[in-house]
Amino acid sequence: MSIQSYRLITTTALLFVLTACTIAMPPSQVSADVATQWQAPLPHQGTLVSLSQWWQQQGDPTLLALIEAAEAASLSVAQSLSRIEAAKSIQAGAGAALLPNINASVGASRGVSLPNVPVASSLQSGVQIAWELDLVGANREANIAAVAQLEGMQAQWHDARVLVAAEVANLYFGLRTCQQLLEVTLLDSASRLESARLADISAKAGFVAVSFAHLAQAGAAEGRNRVVQQASQCELDTKALVAMTALTEPVLKMKMAVTSAAHAQHATFNIALVPAQTIAQRPDVFAAERDVAVASAQVGSARAQRYPRLTLNGSIGQLSYGSEGTTTNLSTWSFGPLALTLPLFDGGQREANVAAAQARYAEAVAGYRAKVRLAVREVEEALVNLHSTEARSADSELATQAYAQALTATQARHDQGLASAMELEETRRVALASQFAQATLNLERQRAWVALYRALGGGYEHAAVVFKN
């Protein structure tokens, strides 16, 4: 190739480099409308701790052990880790496309190549270089997309861990409460059985109607049914935890027997007053934002395919040839070809690829904004449920205490012969029903905190996401 030809190709390449920045790309970050403040009231009591350390602050080693076991056994966590490794490989390949490709070769031979020619030996080595000069940024955009995809996969891994922890906590708190409710239900059943016995004696003595005795017997049967139903629910919760943690049932029951009652949540976590700041720390929102960045880079890469591509090749070689005691050394090198590929006609394939990339970008933007709206809704709902349980807690505790005091007073009156055994058992069942309601409300409150933990992202941190207030 003549010097003039090289100059022409070089000049053309420089022109395309100068015009590369004119390739339009959609924004890699988009805004999402978020309210300036939360509409639901924020929790304010308790000792504030870091959200990422919230489980450790609960003071329940059994819960921590179950979360760790569930995370180790979780399919979703394992899949997320696998996707991270795959994304790393893709990103490494995309980054390598920006660099020259260098290969080395070595060869040796010995023999007769032509008739009446002495035996000869040859040793050949060389280095070959190939490099695509990224004129308009096609490879660069592919690398940007790969990096964004890797970041999104890492966020999804954290989201999977948060989800597993939340599911385990809900099952754990549910099982603890179920065991408490089973104890209350057993006491209620025993009280109903005693009332049925007393009613039967009174009916046979003619002090009460027979129908009253039948009602008491029906209540006792209903109490036994509740015991069976509650015990079955505890077994179901146990088996659900076994499936999540991959622990054997005897091992799980042994761990659960370490403490007999569910721990109250002594630590709460702070919530940013600005919704945008809070939502930005959700891993699923960040992953959706990274999807937008990936789609944007893919649009740029697709558009870059419509422009020329410039490749450069070169090689350096060394040849040693020996025959009848004479050795000849030869070296070779080459620069080129410097090849410029101009896309002329492809039947509209490149334009179709651009259109498809733009459609994926629009889908990613819509998905991101929908994810933000869902995140705001989940936080608001968790705050409403938490506020509701907080508002009901004081009255529920007061009712439980008052019914307990009434039972104590009735027991004293019964011991003095001023209250009947039937009245005592009826008061006992009312007090037990209040304990049942109190335990159920405590479970509802615990799960409201877990839902808020999940809605806030479980302590995930990354660079700020762009929001519009």
Protein backbone atom coordinates (compact mmCIF):
# COMPACT_ATOMS: atom_id res chain seq x y z
CA MET A 1 0.00 0.00 0.00
CA SER A 2 1.34 3.40 -0.93
CA ILE A 3 2.01 6.23 1.53
CA GLN A 4 -0.85 8.17 -0.07
CA SER A 5 -3.28 5.33 0.66
CA TYR A 6 -2.22 5.17 4.31
CA ARG A 7 -2.66 8.91 4.59
CA LEU A 8 -6.17 8.67 3.12
CA ILE A 9 -7.23 5.95 5.54
CA THR A 10 -5.65 7.77 8.49
CA THR A 11 -7.37 11.02 7.56
CA THR A 12 -10.72 9.25 7.25
CA ALA A 13 -10.22 7.59 10.61
CA LEU A 14 -9.45 10.91 12.27
CA LEU A 15 -12.59 12.42 10.82
CA PHE A 16 -14.71 9.64 12.29
CA VAL A 17 -12.97 9.98 15.67
CA LEU A 18 -13.81 13.68 15.70
CA THR A 19 -17.45 13.00 14.84
CA ALA A 20 -17.90 10.07 17.26
CA CYS A 21 -19.19 12.33 20.00
CA THR A 22 -22.11 13.32 17.81
CA ILE A 23 -23.73 9.88 18.14
CA ALA A 24 -26.86 10.56 20.19
CA MET A 25 -27.59 8.29 23.14
CA PRO A 26 -30.62 8.33 25.46
CA PRO A 27 -29.94 9.37 29.08
CA SER A 28 -28.38 6.67 31.22
CA GLN A 29 -30.23 8.05 34.26
CA VAL A 30 -33.83 9.21 34.32
CA SER A 31 -35.98 10.94 36.91
CA ALA A 32 -38.93 9.52 38.81
CA ASP A 33 -41.61 11.56 40.53
CA VAL A 34 -41.46 11.06 44.29
CA ALA A 35 -43.29 12.99 47.01
CA THR A 36 -41.25 15.42 49.11
CA GLN A 37 -42.29 13.74 52.37
CA TRP A 38 -43.90 10.59 53.69
CA GLN A 39 -47.66 10.66 54.09
CA ALA A 40 -47.73 8.01 56.82
CA PRO A 41 -46.33 8.81 60.29
CA LEU A 42 -42.77 7.70 61.00
CA PRO A 43 -41.85 5.57 64.04
CA HIS A 44 -40.05 7.56 66.68
CA GLN A 45 -39.57 5.42 69.75
CA GLY A 46 -36.78 3.00 70.62
CA THR A 47 -33.02 2.98 70.22
CA LEU A 48 -31.98 3.81 66.68
CA VAL A 49 -29.52 1.43 65.05
CA SER A 50 -28.10 0.90 61.60
CA LEU A 51 -30.52 -0.88 59.30
CA SER A 52 -27.80 -3.26 58.11
CA GLN A 53 -27.14 -4.31 61.75
CA TRP A 54 -30.78 -4.53 62.75
CA TRP A 55 -30.96 -8.31 63.06
CA GLN A 56 -27.90 -8.36 65.31
CA GLN A 57 -29.53 -5.79 67.60
CA GLN A 58 -32.58 -7.99 68.23
CA GLY A 59 -30.68 -10.01 70.82
CA ASP A 60 -31.87 -13.36 69.46
CA PRO A 61 -29.02 -15.68 68.39
CA THR A 62 -31.50 -18.30 67.19
CA LEU A 63 -32.96 -15.89 64.65
CA LEU A 64 -29.48 -14.95 63.41
CA ALA A 65 -28.51 -18.62 63.04
CA LEU A 66 -31.67 -19.37 61.06
CA ILE A 67 -31.11 -16.40 58.73
CA GLU A 68 -27.53 -17.50 58.06
CA ALA A 69 -28.62 -21.07 57.39
CA ALA A 70 -31.42 -19.93 55.06
CA GLU A 71 -29.09 -17.66 53.13
CA ALA A 72 -26.60 -20.50 52.65
CA ALA A 73 -29.38 -22.79 51.40
CA SER A 74 -31.30 -20.23 49.34
CA LEU A 75 -31.69 -20.93 45.64
CA SER A 76 -32.32 -17.26 44.86
CA VAL A 77 -29.11 -16.20 46.62
CA ALA A 78 -27.13 -18.90 44.81
CA GLN A 79 -28.62 -17.85 41.47
CA SER A 80 -27.74 -14.22 42.20
CA LEU A 81 -24.15 -15.16 42.92
CA SER A 82 -24.02 -17.17 39.70
CA ARG A 83 -25.35 -14.20 37.74
CA ILE A 84 -22.70 -11.98 39.30
CA GLU A 85 -19.94 -14.32 38.14
CA ALA A 86 -21.45 -14.46 34.66
CA ALA A 87 -21.70 -10.66 34.57
CA LYS A 88 -18.05 -10.40 35.63
CA SER A 89 -17.06 -12.64 32.73
CA ILE A 90 -19.11 -10.57 30.28
CA GLN A 91 -17.59 -7.36 31.60
CA ALA A 92 -14.08 -8.79 31.33
CA GLY A 93 -14.75 -9.75 27.71
CA ALA A 94 -16.22 -6.33 26.92
CA GLY A 95 -13.20 -4.60 28.47
CA ALA A 96 -10.81 -6.84 26.55
CA ALA A 97 -12.38 -5.75 23.25
CA LEU A 98 -10.96 -2.27 23.83
CA LEU A 99 -7.38 -3.58 23.93
CA PRO A 100 -5.13 -5.11 21.26
CA ASN A 101 -5.23 -8.86 20.75
CA ILE A 102 -1.69 -10.30 20.87
CA ASN A 103 -0.80 -13.92 20.04
CA ALA A 104 2.52 -15.74 19.89
CA SER A 105 3.41 -18.82 17.87
CA VAL A 106 6.41 -21.20 17.78
CA GLY A 107 7.03 -23.99 15.26
CA ALA A 108 9.83 -26.41 14.39
CA SER A 109 10.31 -28.87 11.54
CA ARG A 110 12.94 -31.18 10.07
CA GLY A 111 12.90 -33.04 6.76
CA VAL A 112 13.46 -32.96 3.00
CA SER A 113 11.30 -30.40 1.27
CA LEU A 114 12.56 -31.00 -2.32
CA PRO A 115 14.22 -33.93 -4.17
CA ASN A 116 18.03 -33.99 -4.10
CA VAL A 117 18.04 -31.40 -1.31
CA PRO A 118 19.80 -32.24 1.99
CA VAL A 119 17.88 -32.68 5.20
CA ALA A 120 17.12 -29.30 6.79
CA SER A 121 15.81 -28.05 10.13
CA SER A 122 13.75 -24.92 10.67
CA LEU A 123 12.63 -23.07 13.77
CA GLN A 124 10.04 -20.34 13.43
CA SER A 125 8.52 -17.95 16.02
CA GLY A 126 6.35 -14.91 15.73
CA VAL A 127 3.97 -12.45 17.36
CA GLN A 128 0.71 -11.36 15.75
CA ILE A 129 -1.19 -8.25 16.79
CA ALA A 130 -4.78 -7.32 15.92
CA TRP A 131 -6.58 -4.25 17.20
CA GLU A 132 -9.94 -2.75 16.40
CA LEU A 133 -9.71 1.00 16.84
CA ASP A 134 -13.00 1.93 18.50
CA LEU A 135 -13.77 4.89 16.26
CA VAL A 136 -17.34 5.62 17.29
CA GLY A 137 -17.43 3.90 20.65
CA ALA A 138 -19.23 0.65 19.87
CA ASN A 139 -16.93 -1.40 22.09
CA ARG A 140 -16.81 1.32 24.71
CA GLU A 141 -20.60 1.35 25.00
CA ALA A 142 -20.64 -2.43 25.24
CA ASN A 143 -18.19 -2.19 28.13
CA ILE A 144 -20.30 0.48 29.85
CA ALA A 145 -23.35 -1.77 29.50
CA ALA A 146 -21.43 -4.72 30.95
CA VAL A 147 -20.28 -2.69 33.97
CA ALA A 148 -23.82 -1.44 34.63
CA GLN A 149 -25.16 -4.97 34.32
CA LEU A 150 -22.60 -6.23 36.85
CA GLU A 151 -23.62 -3.50 39.30
CA GLY A 152 -27.26 -4.45 38.84
CA MET A 153 -26.49 -8.12 39.51
CA GLN A 154 -24.68 -7.21 42.72
CA ALA A 155 -27.70 -5.19 43.87
CA GLN A 156 -30.02 -8.10 43.08
CA TRP A 157 -27.83 -10.38 45.19
CA HIS A 158 -28.28 -8.05 48.16
CA ASP A 159 -32.01 -7.88 47.47
CA ALA A 160 -32.21 -11.68 47.48
CA ARG A 161 -30.47 -11.80 50.86
CA VAL A 162 -32.81 -9.17 52.30
CA LEU A 163 -35.83 -11.10 51.05
CA VAL A 164 -34.56 -14.36 52.56
CA ALA A 165 -33.92 -12.67 55.92
CA ALA A 166 -37.39 -11.14 55.91
CA GLU A 167 -39.09 -14.44 55.05
CA VAL A 168 -37.18 -16.31 57.74
CA ALA A 169 -37.98 -13.64 60.33
CA ASN A 170 -41.69 -13.76 59.49
CA LEU A 171 -41.73 -17.55 59.80
CA TYR A 172 -39.68 -17.44 62.98
CA PHE A 173 -41.86 -14.83 64.67
CA GLY A 174 -44.91 -16.70 63.45
CA LEU A 175 -43.72 -19.97 64.96
CA ARG A 176 -42.80 -18.32 68.26
CA THR A 177 -46.24 -16.71 68.44
CA CYS A 178 -47.91 -19.95 67.40
CA GLN A 179 -46.27 -21.72 70.32
CA GLN A 180 -47.53 -19.01 72.67
CA LEU A 181 -51.01 -19.24 71.22
CA LEU A 182 -50.95 -23.01 71.56
CA GLU A 183 -50.31 -22.65 75.29
CA VAL A 184 -53.21 -20.19 75.59
CA THR A 185 -55.45 -22.46 73.51
CA LEU A 186 -54.65 -25.44 75.74
CA LEU A 187 -55.60 -23.44 78.82
CA ASP A 188 -58.78 -22.27 77.11
CA SER A 189 -59.67 -25.83 76.17
CA ALA A 190 -59.09 -26.99 79.74
CA SER A 191 -61.34 -24.20 81.01
CA ARG A 192 -64.07 -25.13 78.55
CA LEU A 193 -63.81 -28.77 79.60
CA GLU A 194 -64.16 -27.78 83.25
CA SER A 195 -67.18 -25.61 82.45
CA ALA A 196 -68.75 -28.54 80.60
CA ARG A 197 -68.18 -30.79 83.61
CA LEU A 198 -69.71 -28.25 85.98
CA ALA A 199 -72.65 -27.62 83.67
CA ASP A 200 -73.34 -31.34 83.41
CA ILE A 201 -73.39 -31.68 87.20
CA SER A 202 -75.67 -28.66 87.55
CA ALA A 203 -78.02 -29.93 84.85
CA LYS A 204 -78.30 -33.36 86.46
CA ALA A 205 -79.03 -31.67 89.79
CA GLY A 206 -81.70 -29.56 88.16
CA PHE A 207 -80.00 -26.22 88.85
CA VAL A 208 -79.64 -25.30 85.16
CA ALA A 209 -81.39 -26.27 81.98
CA VAL A 210 -80.14 -29.25 79.99
CA SER A 211 -79.60 -26.96 77.03
CA PHE A 212 -77.02 -25.04 79.07
CA ALA A 213 -75.07 -28.27 79.57
CA HIS A 214 -75.24 -29.03 75.87
CA LEU A 215 -73.89 -25.58 75.04
CA ALA A 216 -71.02 -26.14 77.45
CA GLN A 217 -70.25 -29.50 75.85
CA ALA A 218 -70.26 -27.86 72.41
CA GLY A 219 -67.85 -25.21 73.71
CA ALA A 220 -65.53 -27.92 75.03
CA ALA A 221 -65.55 -29.69 71.66
CA GLU A 222 -64.84 -26.41 69.94
CA GLY A 223 -61.93 -25.83 72.31
CA ARG A 224 -60.42 -29.23 71.46
CA ASN A 225 -60.72 -28.43 67.77
CA ARG A 226 -58.87 -25.17 68.29
CA VAL A 227 -56.05 -27.00 70.04
CA VAL A 228 -55.67 -29.40 67.11
CA GLN A 229 -55.83 -26.55 64.61
CA GLN A 230 -53.26 -24.45 66.48
CA ALA A 231 -50.90 -27.40 66.90
CA SER A 232 -51.17 -28.16 63.18
CA GLN A 233 -50.32 -24.54 62.36
CA CYS A 234 -47.21 -24.76 64.52
CA GLU A 235 -46.16 -27.92 62.70
CA LEU A 236 -46.68 -26.24 59.34
CA ASP A 237 -44.59 -23.23 60.42
CA THR A 238 -41.87 -25.59 61.62
CA LYS A 239 -41.77 -27.44 58.31
CA ALA A 240 -41.66 -24.16 56.41
CA LEU A 241 -38.59 -23.12 58.41
CA VAL A 242 -37.03 -26.54 57.81
CA ALA A 243 -37.46 -26.08 54.07
CA MET A 244 -35.98 -22.55 54.12
CA THR A 245 -32.99 -23.27 56.35
CA ALA A 246 -32.19 -26.82 55.13
CA LEU A 247 -31.90 -27.86 58.79
CA THR A 248 -33.35 -31.14 59.96
CA GLU A 249 -36.52 -30.87 61.98
CA PRO A 250 -34.96 -32.20 65.20
CA VAL A 251 -32.11 -29.68 64.93
CA LEU A 252 -34.54 -26.83 64.27
CA LYS A 253 -36.72 -27.79 67.24
CA MET A 254 -33.63 -27.96 69.43
CA LYS A 255 -32.65 -24.44 68.38
CA MET A 256 -36.18 -23.19 68.96
CA ALA A 257 -36.14 -24.71 72.46
CA VAL A 258 -33.18 -22.52 73.49
CA THR A 259 -35.62 -19.70 74.23
CA SER A 260 -39.30 -20.27 74.89
CA ALA A 261 -40.71 -16.90 73.88
CA ALA A 262 -40.26 -14.56 70.95
CA HIS A 263 -38.01 -11.61 71.69
CA ALA A 264 -39.59 -8.19 71.57
CA GLN A 265 -37.86 -5.89 69.15
CA HIS A 266 -35.83 -3.55 71.30
CA ALA A 267 -34.11 -1.68 68.46
CA THR A 268 -35.63 0.40 65.71
CA PHE A 269 -33.99 2.11 62.78
CA ASN A 270 -34.02 5.63 61.48
CA ILE A 271 -35.90 6.54 58.32
CA ALA A 272 -34.91 9.47 56.15
CA LEU A 273 -37.55 12.17 56.02
CA VAL A 274 -37.08 12.57 52.26
CA PRO A 275 -38.62 9.63 50.36
CA ALA A 276 -36.20 10.01 47.44
CA GLN A 277 -33.23 9.48 49.74
CA THR A 278 -34.83 6.39 51.23
CA ILE A 279 -35.93 4.81 47.98
CA ALA A 280 -32.49 5.36 46.49
CA GLN A 281 -31.13 2.80 48.97
CA ARG A 282 -33.34 -0.04 47.78
CA PRO A 283 -31.32 -2.61 45.84
CA ASP A 284 -34.17 -3.45 43.48
CA VAL A 285 -34.59 0.24 42.60
CA PHE A 286 -30.85 0.56 42.01
CA ALA A 287 -30.90 -2.57 39.84
CA ALA A 288 -33.75 -1.09 37.79
CA GLU A 289 -31.75 2.13 37.43
CA ARG A 290 -28.78 0.08 36.19
CA ASP A 291 -31.09 -1.60 33.67
CA VAL A 292 -31.73 1.86 32.23
CA ALA A 293 -27.97 2.46 31.98
CA VAL A 294 -27.51 -0.90 30.26
CA ALA A 295 -30.28 -0.20 27.78
CA SER A 296 -28.86 3.28 27.06
CA ALA A 297 -25.41 1.89 26.33
CA GLN A 298 -26.92 -0.81 24.12
CA VAL A 299 -28.69 1.87 22.08
CA GLY A 300 -25.36 3.65 21.62
CA SER A 301 -23.64 0.40 20.66
CA ALA A 302 -26.37 -0.44 18.13
CA ARG A 303 -26.13 3.01 16.58
CA ALA A 304 -22.35 2.72 16.39
CA GLN A 305 -22.70 -0.40 14.24
CA ARG A 306 -23.93 1.84 11.39
CA TYR A 307 -20.56 3.63 11.22
CA PRO A 308 -17.21 2.46 9.75
CA ARG A 309 -14.91 0.15 11.66
CA LEU A 310 -11.12 0.47 11.60
CA THR A 311 -8.84 -2.48 12.35
CA LEU A 312 -5.07 -2.64 12.52
CA ASN A 313 -2.95 -5.78 12.20
CA GLY A 314 0.76 -6.43 12.50
CA SER A 315 3.26 -9.19 13.03
CA ILE A 316 6.90 -9.85 13.93
CA GLY A 317 8.55 -13.13 12.96
CA GLN A 318 11.86 -14.93 13.33
CA LEU A 319 12.99 -17.91 11.16
CA SER A 320 16.07 -20.05 11.70
CA TYR A 321 16.94 -22.47 8.82
CA GLY A 322 19.76 -24.99 9.11
CA SER A 323 21.14 -27.51 6.55
CA GLU A 324 24.54 -29.28 6.27
CA GLY A 325 26.01 -27.26 9.10
CA THR A 326 24.91 -23.91 7.75
CA THR A 327 22.33 -21.86 9.66
CA THR A 328 20.45 -18.94 8.23
CA ASN A 329 18.51 -16.51 10.43
CA LEU A 330 15.72 -14.43 8.96
CA SER A 331 13.44 -11.89 10.65
CA THR A 332 10.24 -10.44 9.25
CA TRP A 333 7.75 -7.78 10.32
CA SER A 334 4.67 -6.21 8.91
CA PHE A 335 2.44 -3.25 9.75
CA GLY A 336 -1.03 -3.63 8.39
CA PRO A 337 -3.29 -3.96 6.85
CA LEU A 338 -4.98 -0.88 8.31
CA ALA A 339 -8.48 -1.80 7.17
CA LEU A 340 -11.50 0.48 7.14
CA THR A 341 -14.84 -1.33 6.83
CA LEU A 342 -17.70 0.77 5.52
CA PRO A 343 -21.26 -0.56 6.04
CA LEU A 344 -23.12 0.03 2.79
CA PHE A 345 -26.19 -2.18 2.62
CA ASP A 346 -27.60 -4.76 5.01
CA GLY A 347 -31.29 -4.75 4.15
CA GLY A 348 -32.17 -2.60 7.19
CA GLN A 349 -30.71 -4.96 9.79
CA ARG A 350 -28.71 -2.28 11.63
CA GLU A 351 -31.67 0.07 11.72
CA ALA A 352 -33.82 -2.73 13.08
CA ASN A 353 -31.22 -3.40 15.80
CA VAL A 354 -31.31 0.27 16.78
CA ALA A 355 -35.10 0.24 16.92
CA ALA A 356 -35.07 -2.89 19.08
CA ALA A 357 -32.51 -1.32 21.44
CA GLN A 358 -34.64 1.82 21.72
CA ALA A 359 -37.68 -0.28 22.55
CA ARG A 360 -35.73 -2.08 25.29
CA TYR A 361 -34.62 1.30 26.63
CA ALA A 362 -38.20 2.56 26.80
CA GLU A 363 -39.18 -0.63 28.62
CA ALA A 364 -36.30 -0.21 31.09
CA VAL A 365 -37.32 3.39 31.83
CA ALA A 366 -40.94 2.37 32.41
CA GLY A 367 -39.81 -0.51 34.60
CA TYR A 368 -37.59 1.75 36.67
CA ARG A 369 -40.33 4.29 37.31
CA ALA A 370 -42.80 1.53 38.17
CA LYS A 371 -40.28 0.06 40.60
CA VAL A 372 -39.92 3.45 42.30
CA ARG A 373 -43.69 3.79 42.66
CA LEU A 374 -43.91 0.27 44.09
CA ALA A 375 -41.11 1.02 46.55
CA VAL A 376 -42.87 4.14 47.79
CA ARG A 377 -46.11 2.20 48.17
CA GLU A 378 -44.43 -0.59 50.15
CA VAL A 379 -42.79 1.86 52.54
CA GLU A 380 -46.02 3.79 53.02
CA GLU A 381 -48.00 0.59 53.66
CA ALA A 382 -45.40 -0.66 56.14
CA LEU A 383 -45.52 2.68 57.97
CA VAL A 384 -49.31 2.58 58.11
CA ASN A 385 -49.32 -0.97 59.50
CA LEU A 386 -46.62 -0.10 62.01
CA HIS A 387 -48.50 2.99 63.17
CA SER A 388 -51.71 0.98 63.44
CA THR A 389 -50.13 -1.67 65.65
CA GLU A 390 -48.47 1.01 67.76
CA ALA A 391 -51.78 2.84 68.24
CA ARG A 392 -53.49 -0.38 69.32
CA SER A 393 -50.70 -1.65 71.57
CA ALA A 394 -51.44 0.51 74.60
CA ASP A 395 -55.14 -0.38 74.72
CA SER A 396 -54.40 -4.02 74.06
CA GLU A 397 -51.94 -4.18 76.93
CA LEU A 398 -54.37 -2.31 79.18
CA ALA A 399 -57.15 -4.76 78.30
CA THR A 400 -54.92 -7.76 78.97
CA GLN A 401 -53.88 -6.39 82.35
CA ALA A 402 -57.45 -5.49 83.31
CA TYR A 403 -58.75 -8.94 82.39
CA ALA A 404 -55.89 -10.53 84.33
CA GLN A 405 -56.79 -8.42 87.37
CA ALA A 406 -60.44 -9.40 86.97
CA LEU A 407 -59.42 -13.05 86.93
CA THR A 408 -57.36 -12.58 90.08
CA ALA A 409 -60.27 -10.85 91.80
CA THR A 410 -62.72 -13.55 90.70
CA GLN A 411 -60.35 -16.25 91.93
CA ALA A 412 -60.23 -14.53 95.31
CA ARG A 413 -64.01 -14.30 95.44
CA HIS A 414 -64.26 -17.97 94.45
CA ASP A 415 -61.86 -18.97 97.21
CA GLN A 416 -64.11 -17.09 99.65
CA GLY A 417 -67.23 -18.79 98.31
CA LEU A 418 -68.56 -15.57 96.80
CA ALA A 419 -68.20 -16.61 93.13
CA SER A 420 -69.16 -19.85 91.44
CA ALA A 421 -66.72 -22.10 89.65
CA MET A 422 -68.66 -21.44 86.46
CA GLU A 423 -68.14 -17.68 86.83
CA LEU A 424 -64.44 -18.26 87.49
CA GLU A 425 -63.99 -20.31 84.31
CA GLU A 426 -65.88 -17.78 82.21
CA THR A 427 -63.65 -14.99 83.52
CA ARG A 428 -60.57 -17.15 82.86
CA ARG A 429 -61.57 -17.66 79.22
CA VAL A 430 -62.10 -13.92 78.73
CA ALA A 431 -58.62 -13.27 80.14
CA LEU A 432 -57.15 -15.98 77.88
CA ALA A 433 -58.89 -14.49 74.86
CA SER A 434 -57.27 -11.15 75.69
CA GLN A 435 -53.85 -12.85 75.89
CA PHE A 436 -54.54 -14.46 72.52
CA ALA A 437 -55.37 -11.08 70.98
CA GLN A 438 -52.29 -9.49 72.58
CA ALA A 439 -49.95 -12.14 71.16
CA THR A 440 -51.55 -11.81 67.73
CA LEU A 441 -51.08 -8.04 67.81
CA ASN A 442 -47.44 -8.45 68.85
CA LEU A 443 -46.90 -10.73 65.85
CA GLU A 444 -48.57 -8.19 63.57
CA ARG A 445 -46.25 -5.51 64.90
CA GLN A 446 -43.15 -7.66 64.45
CA ARG A 447 -44.11 -8.40 60.88
CA ALA A 448 -44.78 -4.71 60.26
CA TRP A 449 -41.19 -3.96 61.30
CA VAL A 450 -39.92 -6.74 59.03
CA ALA A 451 -41.97 -5.33 56.14
CA LEU A 452 -40.50 -1.88 56.76
CA TYR A 453 -36.98 -3.36 56.87
CA ARG A 454 -37.65 -5.05 53.55
CA ALA A 455 -39.22 -1.93 52.03
CA LEU A 456 -36.23 0.22 53.00
CA GLY A 457 -33.75 -2.09 51.29
CA GLY A 458 -32.12 -3.79 54.26
CA GLY A 459 -29.25 -1.31 54.57
CA TYR A 460 -28.08 -1.35 50.96
CA GLU A 461 -25.84 1.60 50.04
CA HIS A 462 -24.63 2.90 46.70
CA ALA A 463 -24.21 6.16 44.80
CA ALA A 464 -27.27 8.40 44.81
CA VAL A 465 -29.96 7.75 42.23
CA VAL A 466 -31.46 10.68 40.33
CA PHE A 467 -35.00 11.54 41.50
CA LYS A 468 -37.28 14.45 40.80
CA ASN A 469 -39.18 15.92 43.72
